[in-house]
Amino acid sequence: MTGASTGMGASTARELARRGFHVLAGVRRDHDADAIRSTGVEPIILDITEPEQVEALAARVAGDPRALHALVNNAGIQVNAPVEALPMTQWRWVFEVNLFGHIAVTRALLPALLVGGTSRGLARRSRRSGPVVRALARCPPR
């Protein structure tokens, strides 16, 4: 799960762990890792805009004998500003975090999601949709 440092991401990670899942909780800072670490929640330093960190996550998943059941793309930033108020570099950063970072994580973990004979899921939570997690794809059994 990406974006598990605080708020809905942290709550979702804890709830999934409570339901018996082992959750790799993506956080960007060590103190966030310390705060979320608990039974069933394994924090992993993950900035979805950093290719090396995305690759490290994929390697961590590939090296685990447990199946990857789902990917929850929760990380994101929100900008509430008129178009003219921010420079293009800021707008590009918003897309880097809210779109391209998710694509990078999804591409990196898709092979693990496609392995095996059980249906697995991919979800992206939109900050605008509040607590709703929308399923974007269901990986059919092989």
N, C-alpha and C. Protein backbone atom coordinates (compact mmCIF):
# COMPACT_ATOMS: atom_id res chain seq x y z
N MET A 1 0.84 -1.16 0.00
CA MET A 1 0.00 0.00 0.00
C MET A 1 0.89 1.23 0.00
N THR A 2 0.61 2.15 -0.91
CA THR A 2 1.36 3.39 -0.92
C THR A 2 0.62 4.42 -0.07
N GLY A 3 1.34 5.43 0.38
CA GLY A 3 0.71 6.51 1.14
C GLY A 3 0.13 6.07 2.47
N ALA A 4 0.89 5.28 3.22
CA ALA A 4 0.38 4.74 4.48
C ALA A 4 0.85 5.50 5.71
N SER A 5 1.43 6.67 5.53
CA SER A 5 1.99 7.41 6.67
C SER A 5 0.94 7.89 7.65
N THR A 6 -0.14 8.44 7.14
CA THR A 6 -1.14 9.06 8.01
C THR A 6 -2.53 8.85 7.43
N GLY A 7 -3.50 9.32 8.15
CA GLY A 7 -4.87 9.39 7.65
C GLY A 7 -5.44 8.08 7.17
N MET A 8 -6.13 8.16 6.03
CA MET A 8 -6.81 7.00 5.48
C MET A 8 -5.84 5.87 5.15
N GLY A 9 -4.64 6.20 4.69
CA GLY A 9 -3.67 5.17 4.37
C GLY A 9 -3.24 4.38 5.60
N ALA A 10 -2.92 5.08 6.67
CA ALA A 10 -2.52 4.42 7.91
C ALA A 10 -3.68 3.60 8.48
N SER A 11 -4.87 4.16 8.45
CA SER A 11 -6.04 3.45 8.96
C SER A 11 -6.33 2.19 8.15
N THR A 12 -6.20 2.29 6.84
CA THR A 12 -6.45 1.13 5.98
C THR A 12 -5.40 0.06 6.21
N ALA A 13 -4.15 0.45 6.34
CA ALA A 13 -3.08 -0.53 6.60
C ALA A 13 -3.35 -1.27 7.91
N ARG A 14 -3.72 -0.54 8.93
CA ARG A 14 -4.00 -1.17 10.23
C ARG A 14 -5.22 -2.09 10.16
N GLU A 15 -6.23 -1.66 9.44
CA GLU A 15 -7.44 -2.49 9.33
C GLU A 15 -7.16 -3.77 8.55
N LEU A 16 -6.40 -3.67 7.47
CA LEU A 16 -6.04 -4.87 6.71
C LEU A 16 -5.24 -5.84 7.58
N ALA A 17 -4.31 -5.30 8.37
CA ALA A 17 -3.53 -6.14 9.28
C ALA A 17 -4.44 -6.79 10.31
N ARG A 18 -5.39 -6.04 10.83
CA ARG A 18 -6.34 -6.58 11.81
C ARG A 18 -7.13 -7.74 11.22
N ARG A 19 -7.37 -7.69 9.91
CA ARG A 19 -8.11 -8.75 9.23
C ARG A 19 -7.22 -9.91 8.80
N GLY A 20 -5.96 -9.86 9.19
CA GLY A 20 -5.08 -10.99 8.95
C GLY A 20 -4.12 -10.87 7.79
N PHE A 21 -4.13 -9.74 7.10
CA PHE A 21 -3.20 -9.55 6.00
C PHE A 21 -1.86 -9.03 6.51
N HIS A 22 -0.79 -9.40 5.83
CA HIS A 22 0.51 -8.79 6.07
C HIS A 22 0.59 -7.61 5.12
N VAL A 23 0.74 -6.41 5.65
CA VAL A 23 0.69 -5.19 4.85
C VAL A 23 2.08 -4.59 4.74
N LEU A 24 2.55 -4.40 3.51
CA LEU A 24 3.74 -3.59 3.26
C LEU A 24 3.24 -2.16 3.15
N ALA A 25 3.57 -1.35 4.12
CA ALA A 25 3.03 0.00 4.23
C ALA A 25 4.07 1.01 3.74
N GLY A 26 3.84 1.59 2.58
CA GLY A 26 4.77 2.56 2.02
C GLY A 26 4.69 3.90 2.73
N VAL A 27 5.82 4.32 3.26
CA VAL A 27 5.93 5.62 3.94
C VAL A 27 7.19 6.31 3.43
N ARG A 28 7.27 7.62 3.56
CA ARG A 28 8.42 8.34 3.03
C ARG A 28 9.49 8.66 4.06
N ARG A 29 9.15 8.60 5.35
CA ARG A 29 10.11 9.00 6.39
C ARG A 29 10.23 7.93 7.47
N ASP A 30 11.42 7.88 8.06
CA ASP A 30 11.68 6.90 9.12
C ASP A 30 10.73 7.06 10.30
N HIS A 31 10.44 8.30 10.71
CA HIS A 31 9.55 8.47 11.87
C HIS A 31 8.13 8.00 11.55
N ASP A 32 7.71 8.08 10.27
CA ASP A 32 6.41 7.52 9.90
C ASP A 32 6.44 6.00 9.95
N ALA A 33 7.58 5.42 9.57
CA ALA A 33 7.74 3.96 9.66
C ALA A 33 7.62 3.51 11.10
N ASP A 34 8.29 4.22 12.00
CA ASP A 34 8.22 3.87 13.42
C ASP A 34 6.80 3.97 13.95
N ALA A 35 6.06 4.96 13.48
CA ALA A 35 4.70 5.19 13.98
C ALA A 35 3.72 4.11 13.52
N ILE A 36 3.91 3.58 12.31
CA ILE A 36 2.93 2.62 11.78
C ILE A 36 3.32 1.16 12.03
N ARG A 37 4.58 0.93 12.35
CA ARG A 37 5.04 -0.45 12.56
C ARG A 37 4.23 -1.11 13.67
N SER A 38 3.64 -2.27 13.36
CA SER A 38 2.86 -3.04 14.34
C SER A 38 2.69 -4.45 13.80
N THR A 39 2.02 -5.28 14.56
CA THR A 39 1.78 -6.65 14.12
C THR A 39 1.03 -6.63 12.80
N GLY A 40 1.61 -7.23 11.79
CA GLY A 40 0.97 -7.30 10.48
C GLY A 40 1.23 -6.11 9.58
N VAL A 41 1.86 -5.07 10.09
CA VAL A 41 2.17 -3.89 9.28
C VAL A 41 3.68 -3.73 9.23
N GLU A 42 4.24 -3.93 8.05
CA GLU A 42 5.67 -3.78 7.83
C GLU A 42 5.92 -2.52 7.01
N PRO A 43 6.44 -1.48 7.63
CA PRO A 43 6.69 -0.26 6.87
C PRO A 43 7.86 -0.45 5.91
N ILE A 44 7.76 0.20 4.78
CA ILE A 44 8.84 0.21 3.81
C ILE A 44 8.97 1.64 3.31
N ILE A 45 10.21 2.14 3.29
CA ILE A 45 10.43 3.51 2.82
C ILE A 45 10.14 3.53 1.32
N LEU A 46 9.19 4.36 0.93
CA LEU A 46 8.73 4.38 -0.45
C LEU A 46 8.25 5.76 -0.85
N ASP A 47 9.02 6.39 -1.71
CA ASP A 47 8.57 7.59 -2.41
C ASP A 47 8.29 7.12 -3.82
N ILE A 48 7.04 7.12 -4.23
CA ILE A 48 6.65 6.53 -5.51
C ILE A 48 7.22 7.27 -6.71
N THR A 49 7.84 8.43 -6.48
CA THR A 49 8.48 9.16 -7.58
C THR A 49 9.96 8.83 -7.71
N GLU A 50 10.48 7.97 -6.83
CA GLU A 50 11.89 7.58 -6.85
C GLU A 50 12.02 6.16 -7.41
N PRO A 51 12.51 6.01 -8.64
CA PRO A 51 12.59 4.68 -9.26
C PRO A 51 13.34 3.65 -8.41
N GLU A 52 14.40 4.06 -7.72
CA GLU A 52 15.16 3.11 -6.91
C GLU A 52 14.31 2.54 -5.78
N GLN A 53 13.46 3.37 -5.19
CA GLN A 53 12.61 2.91 -4.10
C GLN A 53 11.49 2.00 -4.62
N VAL A 54 10.98 2.31 -5.80
CA VAL A 54 9.96 1.45 -6.41
C VAL A 54 10.58 0.09 -6.75
N GLU A 55 11.79 0.10 -7.29
CA GLU A 55 12.49 -1.15 -7.60
C GLU A 55 12.77 -1.96 -6.33
N ALA A 56 13.13 -1.29 -5.25
CA ALA A 56 13.38 -1.98 -3.98
C ALA A 56 12.10 -2.64 -3.48
N LEU A 57 10.97 -1.96 -3.63
CA LEU A 57 9.68 -2.55 -3.25
C LEU A 57 9.41 -3.80 -4.07
N ALA A 58 9.61 -3.72 -5.38
CA ALA A 58 9.36 -4.87 -6.25
C ALA A 58 10.27 -6.04 -5.86
N ALA A 59 11.53 -5.75 -5.54
CA ALA A 59 12.46 -6.81 -5.12
C ALA A 59 12.01 -7.42 -3.80
N ARG A 60 11.54 -6.59 -2.88
CA ARG A 60 11.06 -7.07 -1.58
C ARG A 60 9.87 -8.01 -1.78
N VAL A 61 8.95 -7.63 -2.66
CA VAL A 61 7.76 -8.45 -2.93
C VAL A 61 8.18 -9.75 -3.62
N ALA A 62 9.07 -9.66 -4.60
CA ALA A 62 9.51 -10.84 -5.34
C ALA A 62 10.23 -11.84 -4.44
N GLY A 63 10.90 -11.36 -3.42
CA GLY A 63 11.63 -12.23 -2.51
C GLY A 63 10.80 -12.82 -1.39
N ASP A 64 9.53 -12.49 -1.33
CA ASP A 64 8.66 -12.96 -0.26
C ASP A 64 7.90 -14.19 -0.74
N PRO A 65 7.88 -15.27 0.03
CA PRO A 65 7.15 -16.46 -0.41
C PRO A 65 5.63 -16.29 -0.40
N ARG A 66 5.15 -15.27 0.32
CA ARG A 66 3.70 -15.02 0.36
C ARG A 66 3.25 -14.37 -0.94
N ALA A 67 2.04 -14.67 -1.36
CA ALA A 67 1.49 -14.07 -2.57
C ALA A 67 1.12 -12.61 -2.31
N LEU A 68 1.26 -11.80 -3.33
CA LEU A 68 0.78 -10.42 -3.28
C LEU A 68 -0.69 -10.45 -3.66
N HIS A 69 -1.57 -10.11 -2.73
CA HIS A 69 -3.01 -10.19 -2.97
C HIS A 69 -3.59 -8.92 -3.58
N ALA A 70 -2.97 -7.79 -3.30
CA ALA A 70 -3.54 -6.54 -3.80
C ALA A 70 -2.49 -5.44 -3.74
N LEU A 71 -2.73 -4.44 -4.54
CA LEU A 71 -1.96 -3.20 -4.48
C LEU A 71 -2.96 -2.08 -4.27
N VAL A 72 -2.74 -1.30 -3.23
CA VAL A 72 -3.59 -0.13 -2.98
C VAL A 72 -2.73 1.10 -3.21
N ASN A 73 -3.02 1.82 -4.29
CA ASN A 73 -2.32 3.06 -4.62
C ASN A 73 -3.04 4.20 -3.90
N ASN A 74 -2.51 4.59 -2.76
CA ASN A 74 -3.14 5.60 -1.93
C ASN A 74 -2.36 6.91 -1.88
N ALA A 75 -1.09 6.88 -2.20
CA ALA A 75 -0.26 8.09 -2.10
C ALA A 75 -0.81 9.19 -2.99
N GLY A 76 -0.65 10.40 -2.55
CA GLY A 76 -1.09 11.51 -3.39
C GLY A 76 -0.92 12.85 -2.69
N ILE A 77 -0.92 13.87 -3.51
CA ILE A 77 -0.89 15.24 -2.99
C ILE A 77 -2.05 16.00 -3.60
N GLN A 78 -2.47 17.01 -2.89
CA GLN A 78 -3.59 17.82 -3.35
C GLN A 78 -3.13 19.27 -3.47
N VAL A 79 -3.49 19.88 -4.57
CA VAL A 79 -3.18 21.29 -4.77
C VAL A 79 -4.48 22.01 -5.07
N ASN A 80 -4.80 22.97 -4.25
CA ASN A 80 -5.98 23.81 -4.47
C ASN A 80 -5.51 25.21 -4.79
N ALA A 81 -5.32 25.45 -6.07
CA ALA A 81 -4.84 26.76 -6.49
C ALA A 81 -5.31 27.03 -7.90
N PRO A 82 -5.50 28.28 -8.22
CA PRO A 82 -5.82 28.61 -9.61
C PRO A 82 -4.64 28.22 -10.51
N VAL A 83 -4.95 27.85 -11.73
CA VAL A 83 -3.93 27.42 -12.67
C VAL A 83 -2.80 28.42 -12.78
N GLU A 84 -3.12 29.68 -12.80
CA GLU A 84 -2.09 30.71 -12.99
C GLU A 84 -1.23 30.96 -11.74
N ALA A 85 -1.66 30.42 -10.61
CA ALA A 85 -0.95 30.71 -9.36
C ALA A 85 0.31 29.87 -9.16
N LEU A 86 0.40 28.76 -9.83
CA LEU A 86 1.55 27.88 -9.64
C LEU A 86 2.35 27.75 -10.92
N PRO A 87 3.66 27.62 -10.79
CA PRO A 87 4.48 27.41 -11.98
C PRO A 87 4.27 26.00 -12.54
N MET A 88 4.60 25.81 -13.78
CA MET A 88 4.44 24.51 -14.42
C MET A 88 5.20 23.41 -13.69
N THR A 89 6.34 23.75 -13.09
CA THR A 89 7.09 22.72 -12.37
C THR A 89 6.26 22.14 -11.24
N GLN A 90 5.48 22.96 -10.57
CA GLN A 90 4.60 22.49 -9.49
C GLN A 90 3.50 21.59 -10.05
N TRP A 91 2.89 22.01 -11.17
CA TRP A 91 1.85 21.18 -11.77
C TRP A 91 2.42 19.85 -12.25
N ARG A 92 3.62 19.87 -12.79
CA ARG A 92 4.25 18.61 -13.23
C ARG A 92 4.50 17.70 -12.02
N TRP A 93 4.88 18.28 -10.89
CA TRP A 93 5.11 17.49 -9.69
C TRP A 93 3.81 16.81 -9.23
N VAL A 94 2.70 17.52 -9.31
CA VAL A 94 1.40 16.94 -8.95
C VAL A 94 1.13 15.69 -9.79
N PHE A 95 1.38 15.79 -11.08
CA PHE A 95 1.16 14.63 -11.97
C PHE A 95 2.19 13.53 -11.71
N GLU A 96 3.40 13.92 -11.36
CA GLU A 96 4.44 12.93 -11.03
C GLU A 96 3.99 12.07 -9.85
N VAL A 97 3.46 12.72 -8.83
CA VAL A 97 3.02 11.99 -7.63
C VAL A 97 1.68 11.28 -7.87
N ASN A 98 0.71 11.99 -8.39
CA ASN A 98 -0.66 11.47 -8.45
C ASN A 98 -0.94 10.57 -9.64
N LEU A 99 -0.07 10.55 -10.63
CA LEU A 99 -0.31 9.70 -11.79
C LEU A 99 0.90 8.83 -12.10
N PHE A 100 2.00 9.44 -12.47
CA PHE A 100 3.15 8.67 -12.94
C PHE A 100 3.75 7.78 -11.85
N GLY A 101 3.75 8.24 -10.61
CA GLY A 101 4.23 7.40 -9.52
C GLY A 101 3.39 6.14 -9.36
N HIS A 102 2.07 6.28 -9.49
CA HIS A 102 1.19 5.11 -9.39
C HIS A 102 1.39 4.15 -10.55
N ILE A 103 1.61 4.71 -11.73
CA ILE A 103 1.89 3.85 -12.88
C ILE A 103 3.17 3.08 -12.65
N ALA A 104 4.20 3.74 -12.11
CA ALA A 104 5.48 3.06 -11.86
C ALA A 104 5.32 1.92 -10.87
N VAL A 105 4.61 2.16 -9.78
CA VAL A 105 4.41 1.11 -8.77
C VAL A 105 3.58 -0.02 -9.36
N THR A 106 2.53 0.31 -10.08
CA THR A 106 1.68 -0.72 -10.69
C THR A 106 2.47 -1.58 -11.67
N ARG A 107 3.26 -0.94 -12.52
CA ARG A 107 4.08 -1.70 -13.48
C ARG A 107 5.08 -2.59 -12.76
N ALA A 108 5.65 -2.10 -11.68
CA ALA A 108 6.66 -2.87 -10.96
C ALA A 108 6.05 -4.08 -10.25
N LEU A 109 4.82 -3.96 -9.77
CA LEU A 109 4.21 -5.04 -8.99
C LEU A 109 3.24 -5.91 -9.78
N LEU A 110 2.92 -5.50 -10.98
CA LEU A 110 1.96 -6.28 -11.78
C LEU A 110 2.39 -7.72 -11.99
N PRO A 111 3.67 -8.01 -12.25
CA PRO A 111 4.04 -9.43 -12.38
C PRO A 111 3.70 -10.25 -11.13
N ALA A 112 3.89 -9.69 -9.96
CA ALA A 112 3.57 -10.41 -8.72
C ALA A 112 2.06 -10.57 -8.56
N LEU A 113 1.29 -9.60 -9.04
CA LEU A 113 -0.17 -9.71 -8.95
C LEU A 113 -0.71 -10.76 -9.91
N LEU A 114 -0.01 -10.98 -11.00
CA LEU A 114 -0.49 -11.92 -12.02
C LEU A 114 -0.09 -13.37 -11.75
N VAL A 115 0.77 -13.60 -10.77
CA VAL A 115 1.24 -14.95 -10.46
C VAL A 115 0.18 -15.71 -9.69
N GLY A 116 0.06 -16.99 -9.96
CA GLY A 116 -0.81 -17.84 -9.17
C GLY A 116 -2.21 -17.95 -9.72
N GLY A 117 -3.01 -18.71 -9.03
CA GLY A 117 -4.34 -19.03 -9.52
C GLY A 117 -5.47 -18.36 -8.79
N THR A 118 -5.20 -17.34 -8.02
CA THR A 118 -6.29 -16.66 -7.32
C THR A 118 -6.48 -15.28 -7.90
N SER A 119 -7.67 -14.77 -7.77
CA SER A 119 -7.97 -13.44 -8.25
C SER A 119 -7.35 -12.41 -7.32
N ARG A 120 -6.71 -11.44 -7.89
CA ARG A 120 -6.05 -10.41 -7.09
C ARG A 120 -6.54 -9.05 -7.56
N GLY A 121 -6.32 -8.04 -6.76
CA GLY A 121 -6.89 -6.75 -7.08
C GLY A 121 -5.90 -5.62 -7.12
N LEU A 122 -6.32 -4.59 -7.80
CA LEU A 122 -5.59 -3.34 -7.89
C LEU A 122 -6.60 -2.24 -7.58
N ALA A 123 -6.26 -1.38 -6.65
CA ALA A 123 -7.19 -0.31 -6.29
C ALA A 123 -6.45 1.01 -6.25
N ARG A 124 -7.16 2.04 -6.60
CA ARG A 124 -6.62 3.38 -6.47
C ARG A 124 -7.65 4.20 -5.73
N ARG A 125 -7.21 4.85 -4.69
CA ARG A 125 -8.10 5.71 -3.94
C ARG A 125 -7.92 7.13 -4.43
N SER A 126 -9.01 7.75 -4.74
CA SER A 126 -8.97 9.13 -5.15
C SER A 126 -9.19 10.02 -3.94
N ARG A 127 -8.36 11.03 -3.78
CA ARG A 127 -8.54 11.94 -2.65
C ARG A 127 -9.87 12.68 -2.74
N ARG A 128 -10.40 12.83 -3.90
CA ARG A 128 -11.69 13.51 -4.05
C ARG A 128 -12.85 12.61 -3.66
N SER A 129 -12.66 11.29 -3.74
CA SER A 129 -13.77 10.38 -3.48
C SER A 129 -13.91 10.06 -1.99
N GLY A 130 -13.07 10.67 -1.15
CA GLY A 130 -13.17 10.41 0.28
C GLY A 130 -12.81 8.97 0.59
N PRO A 131 -13.65 8.30 1.38
CA PRO A 131 -13.28 6.95 1.83
C PRO A 131 -13.50 5.85 0.79
N VAL A 132 -13.89 6.21 -0.41
CA VAL A 132 -14.18 5.20 -1.42
C VAL A 132 -12.90 4.71 -2.07
N VAL A 133 -12.74 3.42 -2.14
CA VAL A 133 -11.64 2.82 -2.90
C VAL A 133 -12.27 2.18 -4.12
N ARG A 134 -11.85 2.62 -5.28
CA ARG A 134 -12.44 2.11 -6.50
C ARG A 134 -11.53 1.05 -7.09
N ALA A 135 -12.09 -0.10 -7.37
CA ALA A 135 -11.32 -1.16 -8.01
C ALA A 135 -11.15 -0.80 -9.49
N LEU A 136 -9.92 -0.72 -9.93
CA LEU A 136 -9.65 -0.42 -11.33
C LEU A 136 -9.48 -1.68 -12.17
N ALA A 137 -9.02 -2.73 -11.56
CA ALA A 137 -8.78 -3.96 -12.32
C ALA A 137 -8.86 -5.14 -11.39
N ARG A 138 -9.34 -6.21 -11.92
CA ARG A 138 -9.29 -7.49 -11.22
C ARG A 138 -8.48 -8.40 -12.11
N CYS A 139 -7.46 -8.98 -11.55
CA CYS A 139 -6.59 -9.87 -12.30
C CYS A 139 -7.24 -11.24 -12.29
N PRO A 140 -7.64 -11.76 -13.46
CA PRO A 140 -8.33 -13.05 -13.49
C PRO A 140 -7.38 -14.20 -13.14
N PRO A 141 -7.94 -15.28 -12.61
CA PRO A 141 -7.10 -16.44 -12.31
C PRO A 141 -6.50 -16.98 -13.59
N ARG A 142 -5.32 -17.53 -13.48
CA ARG A 142 -4.68 -18.13 -14.65
C ARG A 142 -5.12 -19.56 -14.79
